N, C-alpha and C. Protein backbone atom coordinates (compact mmCIF):
# COMPACT_ATOMS: atom_id res chain seq x y z
N MET A 1 -98.78 60.71 -142.14
CA MET A 1 -98.28 61.66 -143.04
C MET A 1 -99.33 62.38 -143.79
N SER A 2 -100.41 61.73 -144.18
CA SER A 2 -101.45 62.36 -145.00
C SER A 2 -102.15 63.40 -144.13
N SER A 3 -102.33 63.15 -142.85
CA SER A 3 -102.99 64.22 -141.95
C SER A 3 -102.17 65.39 -141.89
N LEU A 4 -100.85 65.26 -141.81
CA LEU A 4 -99.94 66.44 -141.75
C LEU A 4 -100.04 67.22 -143.08
N LEU A 5 -100.11 66.57 -144.20
CA LEU A 5 -100.33 67.27 -145.47
C LEU A 5 -101.62 67.97 -145.55
N THR A 6 -102.67 67.28 -145.06
CA THR A 6 -103.98 67.90 -145.13
C THR A 6 -104.02 69.09 -144.13
N ASP A 7 -103.38 68.99 -142.99
CA ASP A 7 -103.37 70.08 -142.06
C ASP A 7 -102.63 71.31 -142.64
N ARG A 8 -101.57 71.10 -143.32
CA ARG A 8 -100.79 72.16 -143.98
C ARG A 8 -101.66 72.81 -145.09
N ARG A 9 -102.31 71.95 -145.83
CA ARG A 9 -103.20 72.53 -146.93
C ARG A 9 -104.29 73.32 -146.32
N THR A 10 -104.89 72.87 -145.24
CA THR A 10 -105.99 73.60 -144.57
C THR A 10 -105.52 74.92 -144.05
N ARG A 11 -104.31 74.93 -143.36
CA ARG A 11 -103.79 76.13 -142.92
C ARG A 11 -103.38 77.10 -143.99
N GLY A 12 -102.88 76.64 -145.16
CA GLY A 12 -102.64 77.44 -146.31
C GLY A 12 -103.84 78.09 -146.85
N ALA A 13 -104.88 77.23 -146.95
CA ALA A 13 -106.13 77.75 -147.49
C ALA A 13 -106.76 78.86 -146.60
N VAL A 14 -106.75 78.61 -145.34
CA VAL A 14 -107.30 79.59 -144.37
C VAL A 14 -106.42 80.90 -144.40
N ALA A 15 -105.10 80.76 -144.51
CA ALA A 15 -104.25 81.94 -144.61
C ALA A 15 -104.53 82.70 -145.92
N ALA A 16 -104.73 81.95 -146.96
CA ALA A 16 -105.04 82.69 -148.28
C ALA A 16 -106.31 83.36 -148.22
N PHE A 17 -107.37 82.67 -147.68
CA PHE A 17 -108.64 83.34 -147.53
C PHE A 17 -108.66 84.52 -146.59
N THR A 18 -107.98 84.41 -145.52
CA THR A 18 -107.87 85.62 -144.57
C THR A 18 -107.17 86.71 -145.17
N THR A 19 -106.07 86.44 -145.90
CA THR A 19 -105.31 87.55 -146.53
C THR A 19 -106.22 88.23 -147.65
N SER A 20 -106.88 87.41 -148.40
CA SER A 20 -107.78 87.98 -149.43
C SER A 20 -108.90 88.81 -148.82
N ALA A 21 -109.50 88.30 -147.77
CA ALA A 21 -110.59 89.01 -147.09
C ALA A 21 -110.11 90.37 -146.57
N LEU A 22 -108.94 90.34 -145.94
CA LEU A 22 -108.40 91.59 -145.37
C LEU A 22 -108.05 92.61 -146.46
N ALA A 23 -107.53 92.08 -147.55
CA ALA A 23 -107.21 92.95 -148.69
C ALA A 23 -108.41 93.60 -149.30
N PHE A 24 -109.47 92.77 -149.48
CA PHE A 24 -110.67 93.20 -150.03
C PHE A 24 -111.41 94.20 -149.13
N GLY A 25 -111.41 93.88 -147.86
CA GLY A 25 -112.00 94.79 -146.86
C GLY A 25 -111.32 96.16 -146.78
N GLY A 26 -109.97 96.12 -146.83
CA GLY A 26 -109.15 97.36 -146.82
C GLY A 26 -109.44 98.16 -148.03
N ALA A 27 -109.48 97.53 -149.20
CA ALA A 27 -109.71 98.28 -150.43
C ALA A 27 -111.14 98.85 -150.41
N ALA A 28 -112.15 98.12 -149.96
CA ALA A 28 -113.47 98.63 -149.88
C ALA A 28 -113.56 99.79 -148.92
N ALA A 29 -112.87 99.75 -147.81
CA ALA A 29 -112.90 100.81 -146.81
C ALA A 29 -112.27 102.08 -147.50
N MET A 30 -111.17 101.92 -148.15
CA MET A 30 -110.52 103.13 -148.79
C MET A 30 -111.41 103.71 -149.84
N LEU A 31 -112.06 102.88 -150.71
CA LEU A 31 -112.86 103.43 -151.78
C LEU A 31 -114.12 104.07 -151.23
N GLY A 32 -114.64 103.64 -150.09
CA GLY A 32 -115.82 104.21 -149.54
C GLY A 32 -115.60 105.33 -148.51
N ALA A 33 -114.25 105.60 -148.27
CA ALA A 33 -113.99 106.62 -147.25
C ALA A 33 -114.43 108.05 -147.73
N GLN A 34 -114.99 108.78 -146.82
CA GLN A 34 -115.42 110.16 -147.12
C GLN A 34 -114.70 111.11 -146.20
N PRO A 35 -114.38 112.31 -146.62
CA PRO A 35 -113.78 113.24 -145.71
C PRO A 35 -114.71 113.52 -144.50
N GLY A 36 -114.12 113.79 -143.38
CA GLY A 36 -114.81 114.03 -142.16
C GLY A 36 -115.56 115.35 -142.34
N GLN A 37 -116.69 115.46 -141.65
CA GLN A 37 -117.47 116.63 -141.65
C GLN A 37 -117.92 116.98 -140.25
N ALA A 38 -118.04 118.21 -139.97
CA ALA A 38 -118.49 118.62 -138.60
C ALA A 38 -119.97 118.36 -138.48
N SER A 39 -120.46 118.08 -137.32
CA SER A 39 -121.85 117.91 -137.11
C SER A 39 -122.57 119.28 -136.93
N SER A 40 -123.81 119.38 -137.29
CA SER A 40 -124.54 120.55 -137.10
C SER A 40 -125.85 120.20 -136.34
N HIS A 41 -126.08 120.88 -135.24
CA HIS A 41 -127.28 120.67 -134.46
C HIS A 41 -128.24 121.79 -134.66
N ARG A 42 -127.99 122.63 -135.64
CA ARG A 42 -128.81 123.85 -135.87
C ARG A 42 -130.24 123.39 -136.22
N GLU A 43 -130.45 122.23 -136.76
CA GLU A 43 -131.75 121.78 -137.18
C GLU A 43 -132.57 121.25 -135.99
N ALA A 44 -132.02 121.09 -134.84
CA ALA A 44 -132.77 120.59 -133.69
C ALA A 44 -133.82 121.61 -133.24
N PRO A 45 -135.02 121.20 -132.99
CA PRO A 45 -136.05 122.21 -132.62
C PRO A 45 -135.71 123.11 -131.50
N ALA A 46 -135.04 122.60 -130.39
CA ALA A 46 -134.74 123.44 -129.24
C ALA A 46 -133.63 124.53 -129.57
N ILE A 47 -132.71 124.20 -130.48
CA ILE A 47 -131.70 125.12 -130.91
C ILE A 47 -132.26 126.22 -131.77
N LEU A 48 -133.27 125.93 -132.50
CA LEU A 48 -133.82 126.96 -133.35
C LEU A 48 -134.52 128.08 -132.53
N THR A 49 -134.94 127.71 -131.38
CA THR A 49 -135.56 128.73 -130.52
C THR A 49 -134.54 129.37 -129.57
N ASP A 50 -133.37 128.79 -129.43
CA ASP A 50 -132.41 129.32 -128.53
C ASP A 50 -130.95 129.10 -129.14
N PRO A 51 -130.60 129.90 -130.20
CA PRO A 51 -129.33 129.78 -130.87
C PRO A 51 -128.14 129.93 -130.05
N GLN A 52 -128.24 130.64 -128.96
CA GLN A 52 -127.04 130.77 -128.07
C GLN A 52 -126.67 129.53 -127.37
N ALA A 53 -127.54 128.57 -127.33
CA ALA A 53 -127.26 127.28 -126.68
C ALA A 53 -126.51 126.32 -127.61
N ASP A 54 -126.38 126.69 -128.89
CA ASP A 54 -125.69 125.91 -129.84
C ASP A 54 -124.17 125.99 -129.74
N ASN A 55 -123.55 124.97 -129.21
CA ASN A 55 -122.08 125.00 -129.17
C ASN A 55 -121.51 124.61 -130.53
N THR A 56 -120.39 125.17 -130.91
CA THR A 56 -119.93 124.95 -132.25
C THR A 56 -118.74 123.89 -132.24
N ASP A 57 -117.90 123.99 -131.27
CA ASP A 57 -116.69 123.03 -131.12
C ASP A 57 -116.46 122.74 -129.67
N VAL A 58 -115.97 121.52 -129.47
CA VAL A 58 -115.47 121.14 -128.19
C VAL A 58 -114.14 120.39 -128.35
N TYR A 59 -113.15 120.86 -127.63
CA TYR A 59 -111.78 120.23 -127.66
C TYR A 59 -111.44 119.71 -126.30
N ALA A 60 -110.80 118.59 -126.23
CA ALA A 60 -110.31 118.08 -124.91
C ALA A 60 -108.98 117.48 -125.19
N PHE A 61 -107.93 117.87 -124.32
CA PHE A 61 -106.58 117.35 -124.51
C PHE A 61 -105.90 117.42 -123.14
N VAL A 62 -104.91 116.51 -122.97
CA VAL A 62 -104.12 116.52 -121.77
C VAL A 62 -103.22 117.71 -121.74
N SER A 63 -103.19 118.36 -120.59
CA SER A 63 -102.39 119.64 -120.43
C SER A 63 -100.94 119.21 -120.69
N PRO A 64 -100.21 120.04 -121.51
CA PRO A 64 -98.74 119.78 -121.68
C PRO A 64 -97.94 120.17 -120.47
N ASP A 65 -98.45 121.10 -119.59
CA ASP A 65 -97.69 121.46 -118.41
C ASP A 65 -98.00 120.58 -117.15
N ARG A 66 -99.28 120.03 -117.18
CA ARG A 66 -99.66 119.22 -116.05
C ARG A 66 -100.38 117.96 -116.56
N PRO A 67 -99.56 116.85 -116.80
CA PRO A 67 -100.08 115.63 -117.40
C PRO A 67 -101.22 115.00 -116.70
N GLY A 68 -101.45 115.37 -115.45
CA GLY A 68 -102.63 114.82 -114.71
C GLY A 68 -103.95 115.58 -114.93
N LYS A 69 -103.87 116.60 -115.75
CA LYS A 69 -105.06 117.47 -115.92
C LYS A 69 -105.43 117.42 -117.46
N VAL A 70 -106.79 117.60 -117.62
CA VAL A 70 -107.31 117.63 -119.03
C VAL A 70 -107.86 119.11 -119.18
N ASN A 71 -107.52 119.62 -120.40
CA ASN A 71 -108.04 120.96 -120.70
C ASN A 71 -109.23 120.76 -121.67
N LEU A 72 -110.27 121.53 -121.33
CA LEU A 72 -111.46 121.53 -122.13
C LEU A 72 -111.64 122.94 -122.72
N ILE A 73 -111.90 123.05 -124.01
CA ILE A 73 -112.17 124.31 -124.66
C ILE A 73 -113.42 124.14 -125.44
N SER A 74 -114.30 125.06 -125.38
CA SER A 74 -115.62 124.95 -126.09
C SER A 74 -115.85 126.37 -126.77
N ASN A 75 -116.46 126.34 -127.93
CA ASN A 75 -116.84 127.53 -128.63
C ASN A 75 -118.36 127.52 -128.75
N TRP A 76 -118.93 128.72 -128.62
CA TRP A 76 -120.40 128.88 -128.69
C TRP A 76 -120.73 130.02 -129.66
N ASN A 77 -121.84 129.88 -130.24
CA ASN A 77 -122.32 131.02 -131.05
C ASN A 77 -122.62 132.19 -130.21
N PRO A 78 -122.23 133.43 -130.68
CA PRO A 78 -122.54 134.65 -129.85
C PRO A 78 -123.99 134.97 -129.79
């Protein structure tokens, strides 16, 4: 009987610790979250000499008309 009681206490302690750790981790993640920002490669040495090679955006998504195909869209600096 005592081993059953110890086993229940151990599981309860592990569950409490896990719940606390997840709550703390979630709170820390939300407090440290920053809004997303686009990357800029304009500072790269090769792009400074050839600005037309600098792509600004790339989008990829499954075609709504043809589910077996992927659409790619890319924007480039003029």
